[in-house]
Amino acid sequence: VMESIIDHVARTLDLSPIQVRQINFLADNQRTPYGQSIGKTLLPAMWAHLEETAKVSARLKEIEAFNKQPNQHLTRGLTIIPTMYGVNFPVSFLNQSGALVHIYQDGTVMVSFCTQSWWD
């Protein structure tokens, strides 16, 4: 749902969804809705590094050119989405999670993550 909202905001403001995400990064010392202090955030630097090393701008131009070709059954897309997941348990040892990263032979990547449940 949130990605649909970001897409709508981007179209309304004539921005890319990636730009809307950047504008809404949490800032240093900002608090989350759960009251957790961000402290110093590394996200802007990490984001810039990712955009540069993944050649996001060039790839988006290639995708736009591809999608202008007359083929109604095949389109391409690319996005980068920052995710922050604060579990906010009252004791720090409960605030744990894990991630599983799949890198497929065609270059696609899938990331799955979850929080450890101590009560199961």
PDB file of N, CA and C in Angstrom:
ATOM      1  N   VAL A   1       0.828  -1.184   0.000  1.00  0.00           N
ATOM      2  CA  VAL A   1       0.000   0.000   0.000  1.00  0.00           C
ATOM      3  C   VAL A   1       0.876   1.251   0.000  1.00  0.00           C
ATOM      4  N   MET A   2       1.901   1.287   0.849  1.00  0.00           N
ATOM      5  CA  MET A   2       2.750   2.474   0.933  1.00  0.00           C
ATOM      6  C   MET A   2       3.442   2.756  -0.383  1.00  0.00           C
ATOM      7  N   GLU A   3       3.868   1.731  -1.106  1.00  0.00           N
ATOM      8  CA  GLU A   3       4.524   1.960  -2.390  1.00  0.00           C
ATOM      9  C   GLU A   3       3.549   2.571  -3.405  1.00  0.00           C
ATOM     10  N   SER A   4       2.280   2.227  -3.326  1.00  0.00           N
ATOM     11  CA  SER A   4       1.274   2.853  -4.197  1.00  0.00           C
ATOM     12  C   SER A   4       1.128   4.335  -3.868  1.00  0.00           C
ATOM     13  N   ILE A   5       1.181   4.655  -2.585  1.00  0.00           N
ATOM     14  CA  ILE A   5       1.101   6.058  -2.155  1.00  0.00           C
ATOM     15  C   ILE A   5       2.319   6.821  -2.659  1.00  0.00           C
ATOM     16  N   ILE A   6       3.500   6.238  -2.501  1.00  0.00           N
ATOM     17  CA  ILE A   6       4.723   6.897  -2.974  1.00  0.00           C
ATOM     18  C   ILE A   6       4.651   7.114  -4.478  1.00  0.00           C
ATOM     19  N   ASP A   7       4.170   6.133  -5.216  1.00  0.00           N
ATOM     20  CA  ASP A   7       4.039   6.269  -6.662  1.00  0.00           C
ATOM     21  C   ASP A   7       3.069   7.400  -7.020  1.00  0.00           C
ATOM     22  N   HIS A   8       1.955   7.486  -6.310  1.00  0.00           N
ATOM     23  CA  HIS A   8       0.974   8.548  -6.556  1.00  0.00           C
ATOM     24  C   HIS A   8       1.582   9.916  -6.262  1.00  0.00           C
ATOM     25  N   VAL A   9       2.272  10.048  -5.138  1.00  0.00           N
ATOM     26  CA  VAL A   9       2.930  11.312  -4.776  1.00  0.00           C
ATOM     27  C   VAL A   9       3.947  11.692  -5.849  1.00  0.00           C
ATOM     28  N   ALA A  10       4.734  10.726  -6.296  1.00  0.00           N
ATOM     29  CA  ALA A  10       5.755  10.993  -7.312  1.00  0.00           C
ATOM     30  C   ALA A  10       5.122  11.511  -8.594  1.00  0.00           C
ATOM     31  N   ARG A  11       4.069  10.863  -9.059  1.00  0.00           N
ATOM     32  CA  ARG A  11       3.415  11.315 -10.288  1.00  0.00           C
ATOM     33  C   ARG A  11       2.803  12.700 -10.117  1.00  0.00           C
ATOM     34  N   THR A  12       2.195  12.938  -8.961  1.00  0.00           N
ATOM     35  CA  THR A  12       1.576  14.233  -8.699  1.00  0.00           C
ATOM     36  C   THR A  12       2.607  15.362  -8.686  1.00  0.00           C
ATOM     37  N   LEU A  13       3.783  15.094  -8.114  1.00  0.00           N
ATOM     38  CA  LEU A  13       4.831  16.112  -8.001  1.00  0.00           C
ATOM     39  C   LEU A  13       5.821  16.096  -9.169  1.00  0.00           C
ATOM     40  N   ASP A  14       5.581  15.220 -10.147  1.00  0.00           N
ATOM     41  CA  ASP A  14       6.468  15.066 -11.297  1.00  0.00           C
ATOM     42  C   ASP A  14       7.898  14.718 -10.854  1.00  0.00           C
ATOM     43  N   LEU A  15       7.982  13.781  -9.929  1.00  0.00           N
ATOM     44  CA  LEU A  15       9.256  13.253  -9.448  1.00  0.00           C
ATOM     45  C   LEU A  15       9.276  11.754  -9.704  1.00  0.00           C
ATOM     46  N   SER A  16      10.444  11.156  -9.583  1.00  0.00           N
ATOM     47  CA  SER A  16      10.512   9.697  -9.647  1.00  0.00           C
ATOM     48  C   SER A  16      10.199   9.153  -8.255  1.00  0.00           C
ATOM     49  N   PRO A  17       9.677   7.936  -8.163  1.00  0.00           N
ATOM     50  CA  PRO A  17       9.459   7.334  -6.840  1.00  0.00           C
ATOM     51  C   PRO A  17      10.749   7.246  -6.028  1.00  0.00           C
ATOM     52  N   ILE A  18      11.882   7.072  -6.702  1.00  0.00           N
ATOM     53  CA  ILE A  18      13.170   7.011  -5.996  1.00  0.00           C
ATOM     54  C   ILE A  18      13.456   8.351  -5.326  1.00  0.00           C
ATOM     55  N   GLN A  19      13.173   9.460  -6.026  1.00  0.00           N
ATOM     56  CA  GLN A  19      13.385  10.784  -5.430  1.00  0.00           C
ATOM     57  C   GLN A  19      12.481  10.990  -4.214  1.00  0.00           C
ATOM     58  N   VAL A  20      11.230  10.539  -4.293  1.00  0.00           N
ATOM     59  CA  VAL A  20      10.307  10.684  -3.161  1.00  0.00           C
ATOM     60  C   VAL A  20      10.827   9.900  -1.962  1.00  0.00           C
ATOM     61  N   ARG A  21      11.365   8.717  -2.197  1.00  0.00           N
ATOM     62  CA  ARG A  21      11.931   7.932  -1.092  1.00  0.00           C
ATOM     63  C   ARG A  21      13.102   8.676  -0.460  1.00  0.00           C
ATOM     64  N   GLN A  22      13.972   9.250  -1.289  1.00  0.00           N
ATOM     65  CA  GLN A  22      15.127   9.982  -0.761  1.00  0.00           C
ATOM     66  C   GLN A  22      14.693  11.176   0.095  1.00  0.00           C
ATOM     67  N   ILE A  23      13.718  11.907  -0.362  1.00  0.00           N
ATOM     68  CA  ILE A  23      13.227  13.067   0.372  1.00  0.00           C
ATOM     69  C   ILE A  23      12.717  12.658   1.754  1.00  0.00           C
ATOM     70  N   ASN A  24      12.225  11.440   1.874  1.00  0.00           N
ATOM     71  CA  ASN A  24      11.616  10.982   3.117  1.00  0.00           C
ATOM     72  C   ASN A  24      12.523  10.122   3.990  1.00  0.00           C
ATOM     73  N   PHE A  25      13.827  10.123   3.718  1.00  0.00           N
ATOM     74  CA  PHE A  25      14.748   9.419   4.605  1.00  0.00           C
ATOM     75  C   PHE A  25      14.653  10.008   6.011  1.00  0.00           C
ATOM     76  N   LEU A  26      14.785   9.171   7.019  1.00  0.00           N
ATOM     77  CA  LEU A  26      14.904   9.678   8.385  1.00  0.00           C
ATOM     78  C   LEU A  26      16.242  10.397   8.525  1.00  0.00           C
ATOM     79  N   ALA A  27      16.252  11.481   9.268  1.00  0.00           N
ATOM     80  CA  ALA A  27      17.457  12.289   9.446  1.00  0.00           C
ATOM     81  C   ALA A  27      18.166  11.899  10.736  1.00  0.00           C
ATOM     82  N   ASP A  28      19.411  12.360  10.867  1.00  0.00           N
ATOM     83  CA  ASP A  28      20.167  12.134  12.101  1.00  0.00           C
ATOM     84  C   ASP A  28      19.349  12.583  13.311  1.00  0.00           C
ATOM     85  N   ASN A  29      19.377  11.773  14.345  1.00  0.00           N
ATOM     86  CA  ASN A  29      18.729  12.047  15.635  1.00  0.00           C
ATOM     87  C   ASN A  29      17.206  12.141  15.579  1.00  0.00           C
ATOM     88  N   GLN A  30      16.611  11.792  14.462  1.00  0.00           N
ATOM     89  CA  GLN A  30      15.148  11.751  14.373  1.00  0.00           C
ATOM     90  C   GLN A  30      14.655  10.510  15.110  1.00  0.00           C
ATOM     91  N   ARG A  31      13.419  10.526  15.546  1.00  0.00           N
ATOM     92  CA  ARG A  31      12.836   9.372  16.236  1.00  0.00           C
ATOM     93  C   ARG A  31      11.842   8.657  15.328  1.00  0.00           C
ATOM     94  N   THR A  32      11.797   7.339  15.482  1.00  0.00           N
ATOM     95  CA  THR A  32      10.830   6.538  14.734  1.00  0.00           C
ATOM     96  C   THR A  32       9.460   6.684  15.385  1.00  0.00           C
ATOM     97  N   PRO A  33       8.409   6.204  14.733  1.00  0.00           N
ATOM     98  CA  PRO A  33       7.088   6.212  15.373  1.00  0.00           C
ATOM     99  C   PRO A  33       7.055   5.429  16.689  1.00  0.00           C
ATOM    100  N   TYR A  34       8.020   4.514  16.882  1.00  0.00           N
ATOM    101  CA  TYR A  34       8.101   3.727  18.111  1.00  0.00           C
ATOM    102  C   TYR A  34       8.924   4.417  19.181  1.00  0.00           C
ATOM    103  N   GLY A  35       9.455   5.614  18.876  1.00  0.00           N
ATOM    104  CA  GLY A  35      10.235   6.355  19.847  1.00  0.00           C
ATOM    105  C   GLY A  35      11.722   6.027  19.854  1.00  0.00           C
ATOM    106  N   GLN A  36      12.172   5.167  18.936  1.00  0.00           N
ATOM    107  CA  GLN A  36      13.587   4.827  18.879  1.00  0.00           C
ATOM    108  C   GLN A  36      14.361   5.962  18.214  1.00  0.00           C
ATOM    109  N   SER A  37      15.475   6.359  18.810  1.00  0.00           N
ATOM    110  CA  SER A  37      16.315   7.401  18.229  1.00  0.00           C
ATOM    111  C   SER A  37      17.159   6.812  17.114  1.00  0.00           C
ATOM    112  N   ILE A  38      17.224   7.504  16.012  1.00  0.00           N
ATOM    113  CA  ILE A  38      18.001   7.035  14.871  1.00  0.00           C
ATOM    114  C   ILE A  38      19.497   7.204  15.122  1.00  0.00           C
ATOM    115  N   GLY A  39      19.877   8.255  15.859  1.00  0.00           N
ATOM    116  CA  GLY A  39      21.297   8.539  16.015  1.00  0.00           C
ATOM    117  C   GLY A  39      21.831   9.061  14.696  1.00  0.00           C
ATOM    118  N   LYS A  40      23.040   8.666  14.337  1.00  0.00           N
ATOM    119  CA  LYS A  40      23.602   9.079  13.049  1.00  0.00           C
ATOM    120  C   LYS A  40      23.211   8.044  12.009  1.00  0.00           C
ATOM    121  N   THR A  41      22.550   8.504  10.961  1.00  0.00           N
ATOM    122  CA  THR A  41      22.116   7.583   9.915  1.00  0.00           C
ATOM    123  C   THR A  41      23.144   7.517   8.788  1.00  0.00           C
ATOM    124  N   LEU A  42      23.386   6.328   8.316  1.00  0.00           N
ATOM    125  CA  LEU A  42      24.302   6.107   7.202  1.00  0.00           C
ATOM    126  C   LEU A  42      23.560   5.951   5.881  1.00  0.00           C
ATOM    127  N   LEU A  43      22.228   6.003   5.928  1.00  0.00           N
ATOM    128  CA  LEU A  43      21.433   5.717   4.735  1.00  0.00           C
ATOM    129  C   LEU A  43      21.757   6.620   3.549  1.00  0.00           C
ATOM    130  N   PRO A  44      21.845   7.947   3.691  1.00  0.00           N
ATOM    131  CA  PRO A  44      22.141   8.758   2.499  1.00  0.00           C
ATOM    132  C   PRO A  44      23.451   8.363   1.809  1.00  0.00           C
ATOM    133  N   ALA A  45      24.485   8.100   2.581  1.00  0.00           N
ATOM    134  CA  ALA A  45      25.764   7.697   1.993  1.00  0.00           C
ATOM    135  C   ALA A  45      25.665   6.310   1.346  1.00  0.00           C
ATOM    136  N   MET A  46      24.981   5.381   2.016  1.00  0.00           N
ATOM    137  CA  MET A  46      24.812   4.038   1.464  1.00  0.00           C
ATOM    138  C   MET A  46      23.988   4.088   0.176  1.00  0.00           C
ATOM    139  N   TRP A  47      22.935   4.909   0.195  1.00  0.00           N
ATOM    140  CA  TRP A  47      22.049   5.060  -0.964  1.00  0.00           C
ATOM    141  C   TRP A  47      22.839   5.604  -2.164  1.00  0.00           C
ATOM    142  N   ALA A  48      23.627   6.649  -1.937  1.00  0.00           N
ATOM    143  CA  ALA A  48      24.426   7.240  -3.008  1.00  0.00           C
ATOM    144  C   ALA A  48      25.418   6.216  -3.567  1.00  0.00           C
ATOM    145  N   HIS A  49      26.037   5.447  -2.676  1.00  0.00           N
ATOM    146  CA  HIS A  49      26.984   4.412  -3.104  1.00  0.00           C
ATOM    147  C   HIS A  49      26.266   3.347  -3.939  1.00  0.00           C
ATOM    148  N   LEU A  50      25.094   2.938  -3.503  1.00  0.00           N
ATOM    149  CA  LEU A  50      24.324   1.947  -4.252  1.00  0.00           C
ATOM    150  C   LEU A  50      23.932   2.469  -5.630  1.00  0.00           C
ATOM    151  N   GLU A  51      23.444   3.717  -5.680  1.00  0.00           N
ATOM    152  CA  GLU A  51      23.051   4.288  -6.975  1.00  0.00           C
ATOM    153  C   GLU A  51      24.239   4.341  -7.941  1.00  0.00           C
ATOM    154  N   GLU A  52      25.411   4.691  -7.402  1.00  0.00           N
ATOM    155  CA  GLU A  52      26.602   4.793  -8.248  1.00  0.00           C
ATOM    156  C   GLU A  52      27.095   3.421  -8.692  1.00  0.00           C
ATOM    157  N   THR A  53      27.285   2.518  -7.751  1.00  0.00           N
ATOM    158  CA  THR A  53      27.864   1.215  -8.094  1.00  0.00           C
ATOM    159  C   THR A  53      26.909   0.337  -8.891  1.00  0.00           C
ATOM    160  N   ALA A  54      25.615   0.502  -8.696  1.00  0.00           N
ATOM    161  CA  ALA A  54      24.631  -0.276  -9.458  1.00  0.00           C
ATOM    162  C   ALA A  54      24.253   0.416 -10.762  1.00  0.00           C
ATOM    163  N   LYS A  55      24.821   1.605 -10.980  1.00  0.00           N
ATOM    164  CA  LYS A  55      24.561   2.368 -12.216  1.00  0.00           C
ATOM    165  C   LYS A  55      23.060   2.542 -12.441  1.00  0.00           C
ATOM    166  N   VAL A  56      22.359   2.950 -11.385  1.00  0.00           N
ATOM    167  CA  VAL A  56      20.900   3.053 -11.417  1.00  0.00           C
ATOM    168  C   VAL A  56      20.423   4.001 -12.510  1.00  0.00           C
ATOM    169  N   SER A  57      21.014   5.185 -12.624  1.00  0.00           N
ATOM    170  CA  SER A  57      20.562   6.164 -13.629  1.00  0.00           C
ATOM    171  C   SER A  57      20.682   5.614 -15.038  1.00  0.00           C
ATOM    172  N   ALA A  58      21.820   5.026 -15.358  1.00  0.00           N
ATOM    173  CA  ALA A  58      22.026   4.468 -16.702  1.00  0.00           C
ATOM    174  C   ALA A  58      21.062   3.321 -16.961  1.00  0.00           C
ATOM    175  N   ARG A  59      20.860   2.485 -15.973  1.00  0.00           N
ATOM    176  CA  ARG A  59      19.960   1.347 -16.144  1.00  0.00           C
ATOM    177  C   ARG A  59      18.513   1.800 -16.308  1.00  0.00           C
ATOM    178  N   LEU A  60      18.120   2.851 -15.581  1.00  0.00           N
ATOM    179  CA  LEU A  60      16.763   3.378 -15.736  1.00  0.00           C
ATOM    180  C   LEU A  60      16.546   3.936 -17.144  1.00  0.00           C
ATOM    181  N   LYS A  61      17.575   4.580 -17.716  1.00  0.00           N
ATOM    182  CA  LYS A  61      17.472   5.090 -19.091  1.00  0.00           C
ATOM    183  C   LYS A  61      17.330   3.938 -20.080  1.00  0.00           C
ATOM    184  N   GLU A  62      18.098   2.877 -19.874  1.00  0.00           N
ATOM    185  CA  GLU A  62      17.984   1.703 -20.747  1.00  0.00           C
ATOM    186  C   GLU A  62      16.588   1.086 -20.648  1.00  0.00           C
ATOM    187  N   ILE A  63      16.065   1.008 -19.435  1.00  0.00           N
ATOM    188  CA  ILE A  63      14.734   0.433 -19.216  1.00  0.00           C
ATOM    189  C   ILE A  63      13.665   1.295 -19.889  1.00  0.00           C
ATOM    190  N   GLU A  64      13.797   2.616 -19.756  1.00  0.00           N
ATOM    191  CA  GLU A  64      12.830   3.528 -20.382  1.00  0.00           C
ATOM    192  C   GLU A  64      12.846   3.353 -21.904  1.00  0.00           C
ATOM    193  N   ALA A  65      14.039   3.245 -22.494  1.00  0.00           N
ATOM    194  CA  ALA A  65      14.147   3.039 -23.941  1.00  0.00           C
ATOM    195  C   ALA A  65      13.533   1.694 -24.341  1.00  0.00           C
ATOM    196  N   PHE A  66      13.804   0.665 -23.570  1.00  0.00           N
ATOM    197  CA  PHE A  66      13.236  -0.659 -23.854  1.00  0.00           C
ATOM    198  C   PHE A  66      11.713  -0.616 -23.806  1.00  0.00           C
ATOM    199  N   ASN A  67      11.169   0.050 -22.788  1.00  0.00           N
ATOM    200  CA  ASN A  67       9.718   0.081 -22.620  1.00  0.00           C
ATOM    201  C   ASN A  67       9.008   0.929 -23.671  1.00  0.00           C
ATOM    202  N   LYS A  68       9.736   1.774 -24.395  1.00  0.00           N
ATOM    203  CA  LYS A  68       9.140   2.559 -25.482  1.00  0.00           C
ATOM    204  C   LYS A  68       8.995   1.733 -26.757  1.00  0.00           C
ATOM    205  N   GLN A  69       9.656   0.585 -26.813  1.00  0.00           N
ATOM    206  CA  GLN A  69       9.554  -0.279 -27.980  1.00  0.00           C
ATOM    207  C   GLN A  69       8.146  -0.860 -28.052  1.00  0.00           C
ATOM    208  N   PRO A  70       7.661  -1.117 -29.258  1.00  0.00           N
ATOM    209  CA  PRO A  70       6.294  -1.637 -29.398  1.00  0.00           C
ATOM    210  C   PRO A  70       6.185  -3.114 -29.004  1.00  0.00           C
ATOM    211  N   ASN A  71       6.036  -3.374 -27.728  1.00  0.00           N
ATOM    212  CA  ASN A  71       5.834  -4.728 -27.238  1.00  0.00           C
ATOM    213  C   ASN A  71       4.912  -4.643 -26.028  1.00  0.00           C
ATOM    214  N   GLN A  72       3.650  -4.952 -26.227  1.00  0.00           N
ATOM    215  CA  GLN A  72       2.667  -4.776 -25.157  1.00  0.00           C
ATOM    216  C   GLN A  72       2.729  -5.850 -24.086  1.00  0.00           C
ATOM    217  N   HIS A  73       3.474  -6.918 -24.297  1.00  0.00           N
ATOM    218  CA  HIS A  73       3.499  -8.024 -23.336  1.00  0.00           C
ATOM    219  C   HIS A  73       4.766  -8.082 -22.485  1.00  0.00           C
ATOM    220  N   LEU A  74       5.711  -7.192 -22.751  1.00  0.00           N
ATOM    221  CA  LEU A  74       6.969  -7.256 -22.032  1.00  0.00           C
ATOM    222  C   LEU A  74       7.433  -5.852 -21.652  1.00  0.00           C
ATOM    223  N   THR A  75       7.591  -5.620 -20.366  1.00  0.00           N
ATOM    224  CA  THR A  75       8.155  -4.362 -19.884  1.00  0.00           C
ATOM    225  C   THR A  75       9.203  -4.690 -18.829  1.00  0.00           C
ATOM    226  N   ARG A  76      10.040  -3.716 -18.558  1.00  0.00           N
ATOM    227  CA  ARG A  76      11.069  -3.875 -17.540  1.00  0.00           C
ATOM    228  C   ARG A  76      10.920  -2.780 -16.500  1.00  0.00           C
ATOM    229  N   GLY A  77      11.492  -3.006 -15.333  1.00  0.00           N
ATOM    230  CA  GLY A  77      11.446  -2.013 -14.284  1.00  0.00           C
ATOM    231  C   GLY A  77      12.601  -2.196 -13.323  1.00  0.00           C
ATOM    232  N   LEU A  78      12.843  -1.154 -12.541  1.00  0.00           N
ATOM    233  CA  LEU A  78      13.910  -1.182 -11.547  1.00  0.00           C
ATOM    234  C   LEU A  78      13.555  -0.195 -10.453  1.00  0.00           C
ATOM    235  N   THR A  79      13.752  -0.581  -9.227  1.00  0.00           N
ATOM    236  CA  THR A  79      13.587   0.357  -8.130  1.00  0.00           C
ATOM    237  C   THR A  79      14.519  -0.044  -7.001  1.00  0.00           C
ATOM    238  N   ILE A  80      14.763   0.889  -6.126  1.00  0.00           N
ATOM    239  CA  ILE A  80      15.467   0.600  -4.884  1.00  0.00           C
ATOM    240  C   ILE A  80      14.593   1.141  -3.766  1.00  0.00           C
ATOM    241  N   ILE A  81      14.401   0.339  -2.749  1.00  0.00           N
ATOM    242  CA  ILE A  81      13.471   0.685  -1.674  1.00  0.00           C
ATOM    243  C   ILE A  81      14.185   0.552  -0.332  1.00  0.00           C
ATOM    244  N   PRO A  82      14.318   1.655   0.393  1.00  0.00           N
ATOM    245  CA  PRO A  82      14.911   1.556   1.730  1.00  0.00           C
ATOM    246  C   PRO A  82      13.892   0.970   2.698  1.00  0.00           C
ATOM    247  N   THR A  83      14.339   0.102   3.572  1.00  0.00           N
ATOM    248  CA  THR A  83      13.444  -0.504   4.549  1.00  0.00           C
ATOM    249  C   THR A  83      14.055  -0.383   5.932  1.00  0.00           C
ATOM    250  N   MET A  84      13.250   0.054   6.865  1.00  0.00           N
ATOM    251  CA  MET A  84      13.687   0.098   8.255  1.00  0.00           C
ATOM    252  C   MET A  84      12.645  -0.652   9.065  1.00  0.00           C
ATOM    253  N   TYR A  85      13.104  -1.562   9.854  1.00  0.00           N
ATOM    254  CA  TYR A  85      12.180  -2.375  10.627  1.00  0.00           C
ATOM    255  C   TYR A  85      12.573  -2.312  12.091  1.00  0.00           C
ATOM    256  N   GLY A  86      11.828  -1.551  12.861  1.00  0.00           N
ATOM    257  CA  GLY A  86      12.083  -1.462  14.291  1.00  0.00           C
ATOM    258  C   GLY A  86      11.109  -2.348  15.048  1.00  0.00           C
ATOM    259  N   VAL A  87      11.631  -3.326  15.741  1.00  0.00           N
ATOM    260  CA  VAL A  87      10.740  -4.243  16.444  1.00  0.00           C
ATOM    261  C   VAL A  87      10.339  -3.706  17.808  1.00  0.00           C
ATOM    262  N   ASN A  88      11.192  -2.911  18.439  1.00  0.00           N
ATOM    263  CA  ASN A  88      10.878  -2.198  19.673  1.00  0.00           C
ATOM    264  C   ASN A  88      10.424  -3.081  20.832  1.00  0.00           C
ATOM    265  N   PHE A  89      11.098  -4.201  21.058  1.00  0.00           N
ATOM    266  CA  PHE A  89      10.854  -4.959  22.274  1.00  0.00           C
ATOM    267  C   PHE A  89      11.510  -4.227  23.440  1.00  0.00           C
ATOM    268  N   PRO A  90      11.021  -4.413  24.653  1.00  0.00           N
ATOM    269  CA  PRO A  90      11.559  -3.646  25.777  1.00  0.00           C
ATOM    270  C   PRO A  90      12.988  -4.015  26.181  1.00  0.00           C
ATOM    271  N   VAL A  91      13.476  -5.179  25.790  1.00  0.00           N
ATOM    272  CA  VAL A  91      14.847  -5.566  26.109  1.00  0.00           C
ATOM    273  C   VAL A  91      15.608  -5.828  24.805  1.00  0.00           C
ATOM    274  N   SER A  92      16.855  -5.414  24.767  1.00  0.00           N
ATOM    275  CA  SER A  92      17.582  -5.411  23.501  1.00  0.00           C
ATOM    276  C   SER A  92      17.822  -6.805  22.922  1.00  0.00           C
ATOM    277  N   PHE A  93      17.966  -7.837  23.748  1.00  0.00           N
ATOM    278  CA  PHE A  93      18.261  -9.157  23.175  1.00  0.00           C
ATOM    279  C   PHE A  93      17.084  -9.714  22.371  1.00  0.00           C
ATOM    280  N   LEU A  94      15.892  -9.161  22.561  1.00  0.00           N
ATOM    281  CA  LEU A  94      14.746  -9.590  21.761  1.00  0.00           C
ATOM    282  C   LEU A  94      14.690  -8.887  20.408  1.00  0.00           C
ATOM    283  N   ASN A  95      15.416  -7.808  20.259  1.00  0.00           N
ATOM    284  CA  ASN A  95      15.406  -7.038  19.008  1.00  0.00           C
ATOM    285  C   ASN A  95      16.398  -7.627  18.013  1.00  0.00           C
ATOM    286  N   GLN A  96      16.091  -8.816  17.525  1.00  0.00           N
ATOM    287  CA  GLN A  96      16.958  -9.499  16.585  1.00  0.00           C
ATOM    288  C   GLN A  96      16.153  -9.904  15.365  1.00  0.00           C
ATOM    289  N   SER A  97      16.824  -9.974  14.251  1.00  0.00           N
ATOM    290  CA  SER A  97      16.172 -10.450  13.037  1.00  0.00           C
ATOM    291  C   SER A  97      17.226 -11.067  12.136  1.00  0.00           C
ATOM    292  N   GLY A  98      16.772 -11.674  11.078  1.00  0.00           N
ATOM    293  CA  GLY A  98      17.679 -12.297  10.132  1.00  0.00           C
ATOM    294  C   GLY A  98      17.252 -11.982   8.718  1.00  0.00           C
ATOM    295  N   ALA A  99      18.157 -12.155   7.787  1.00  0.00           N
ATOM    296  CA  ALA A  99      17.862 -11.911   6.379  1.00  0.00           C
ATOM    297  C   ALA A  99      18.428 -13.044   5.539  1.00  0.00           C
ATOM    298  N   LEU A 100      17.710 -13.363   4.486  1.00  0.00           N
ATOM    299  CA  LEU A 100      18.147 -14.364   3.525  1.00  0.00           C
ATOM    300  C   LEU A 100      18.179 -13.682   2.161  1.00  0.00           C
ATOM    301  N   VAL A 101      19.323 -13.701   1.501  1.00  0.00           N
ATOM    302  CA  VAL A 101      19.486 -13.034   0.213  1.00  0.00           C
ATOM    303  C   VAL A 101      19.702 -14.092  -0.861  1.00  0.00           C
ATOM    304  N   HIS A 102      18.835 -14.083  -1.871  1.00  0.00           N
ATOM    305  CA  HIS A 102      18.973 -14.976  -3.023  1.00  0.00           C
ATOM    306  C   HIS A 102      19.454 -14.152  -4.204  1.00  0.00           C
ATOM    307  N   ILE A 103      20.532 -14.559  -4.846  1.00  0.00           N
ATOM    308  CA  ILE A 103      21.006 -13.922  -6.064  1.00  0.00           C
ATOM    309  C   ILE A 103      20.900 -14.971  -7.162  1.00  0.00           C
ATOM    310  N   TYR A 104      20.010 -14.724  -8.110  1.00  0.00           N
ATOM    311  CA  TYR A 104      19.733 -15.701  -9.157  1.00  0.00           C
ATOM    312  C   TYR A 104      20.652 -15.500 -10.359  1.00  0.00           C
ATOM    313  N   GLN A 105      20.768 -16.525 -11.193  1.00  0.00           N
ATOM    314  CA  GLN A 105      21.675 -16.495 -12.332  1.00  0.00           C
ATOM    315  C   GLN A 105      21.323 -15.416 -13.344  1.00  0.00           C
ATOM    316  N   ASP A 106      20.049 -15.007 -13.392  1.00  0.00           N
ATOM    317  CA  ASP A 106      19.672 -13.946 -14.334  1.00  0.00           C
ATOM    318  C   ASP A 106      19.936 -12.552 -13.774  1.00  0.00           C
ATOM    319  N   GLY A 107      20.509 -12.467 -12.569  1.00  0.00           N
ATOM    320  CA  GLY A 107      20.862 -11.183 -11.981  1.00  0.00           C
ATOM    321  C   GLY A 107      19.828 -10.616 -11.032  1.00  0.00           C
ATOM    322  N   THR A 108      18.667 -11.253 -10.928  1.00  0.00           N
ATOM    323  CA  THR A 108      17.662 -10.759  -9.998  1.00  0.00           C
ATOM    324  C   THR A 108      18.038 -11.146  -8.571  1.00  0.00           C
ATOM    325  N   VAL A 109      17.531 -10.366  -7.636  1.00  0.00           N
ATOM    326  CA  VAL A 109      17.850 -10.566  -6.227  1.00  0.00           C
ATOM    327  C   VAL A 109      16.553 -10.569  -5.438  1.00  0.00           C
ATOM    328  N   MET A 110      16.432 -11.496  -4.486  1.00  0.00           N
ATOM    329  CA  MET A 110      15.291 -11.519  -3.581  1.00  0.00           C
ATOM    330  C   MET A 110      15.829 -11.511  -2.158  1.00  0.00           C
ATOM    331  N   VAL A 111      15.280 -10.608  -1.335  1.00  0.00           N
ATOM    332  CA  VAL A 111      15.684 -10.519   0.060  1.00  0.00           C
ATOM    333  C   VAL A 111      14.481 -10.834   0.929  1.00  0.00           C
ATOM    334  N   SER A 112      14.616 -11.795   1.824  1.00  0.00           N
ATOM    335  CA  SER A 112      13.569 -12.137   2.788  1.00  0.00           C
ATOM    336  C   SER A 112      14.123 -11.863   4.171  1.00  0.00           C
ATOM    337  N   PHE A 113      13.292 -11.299   5.032  1.00  0.00           N
ATOM    338  CA  PHE A 113      13.759 -11.062   6.390  1.00  0.00           C
ATOM    339  C   PHE A 113      12.626 -11.293   7.373  1.00  0.00           C
ATOM    340  N   CYS A 114      12.999 -11.594   8.602  1.00  0.00           N
ATOM    341  CA  CYS A 114      11.998 -11.820   9.638  1.00  0.00           C
ATOM    342  C   CYS A 114      12.612 -11.528  10.998  1.00  0.00           C
ATOM    343  N   THR A 115      11.748 -11.427  11.983  1.00  0.00           N
ATOM    344  CA  THR A 115      12.178 -11.194  13.345  1.00  0.00           C
ATOM    345  C   THR A 115      12.119 -12.502  14.094  1.00  0.00           C
ATOM    346  N   GLN A 116      13.116 -12.746  14.912  1.00  0.00           N
ATOM    347  CA  GLN A 116      13.154 -13.947  15.739  1.00  0.00           C
ATOM    348  C   GLN A 116      12.045 -13.886  16.767  1.00  0.00           C
ATOM    349  N   SER A 117      11.266 -14.930  16.839  1.00  0.00           N
ATOM    350  CA  SER A 117      10.227 -14.993  17.847  1.00  0.00           C
ATOM    351  C   SER A 117      10.716 -15.867  19.005  1.00  0.00           C
ATOM    352  N   TRP A 118      10.738 -15.303  20.182  1.00  0.00           N
ATOM    353  CA  TRP A 118      11.210 -16.022  21.362  1.00  0.00           C
ATOM    354  C   TRP A 118      10.088 -16.739  22.093  1.00  0.00           C
ATOM    355  N   TRP A 119       8.851 -16.630  21.603  1.00  0.00           N
ATOM    356  CA  TRP A 119       7.726 -17.201  22.319  1.00  0.00           C
ATOM    357  C   TRP A 119       7.133 -18.415  21.613  1.00  0.00           C
ATOM    358  N   ASP A 120       7.648 -18.801  20.453  1.00  0.00           N
ATOM    359  CA  ASP A 120       7.104 -19.959  19.739  1.00  0.00           C
ATOM    360  C   ASP A 120       7.582 -21.253  20.366  1.00  0.00           C
TER     361      ASP A 120
END
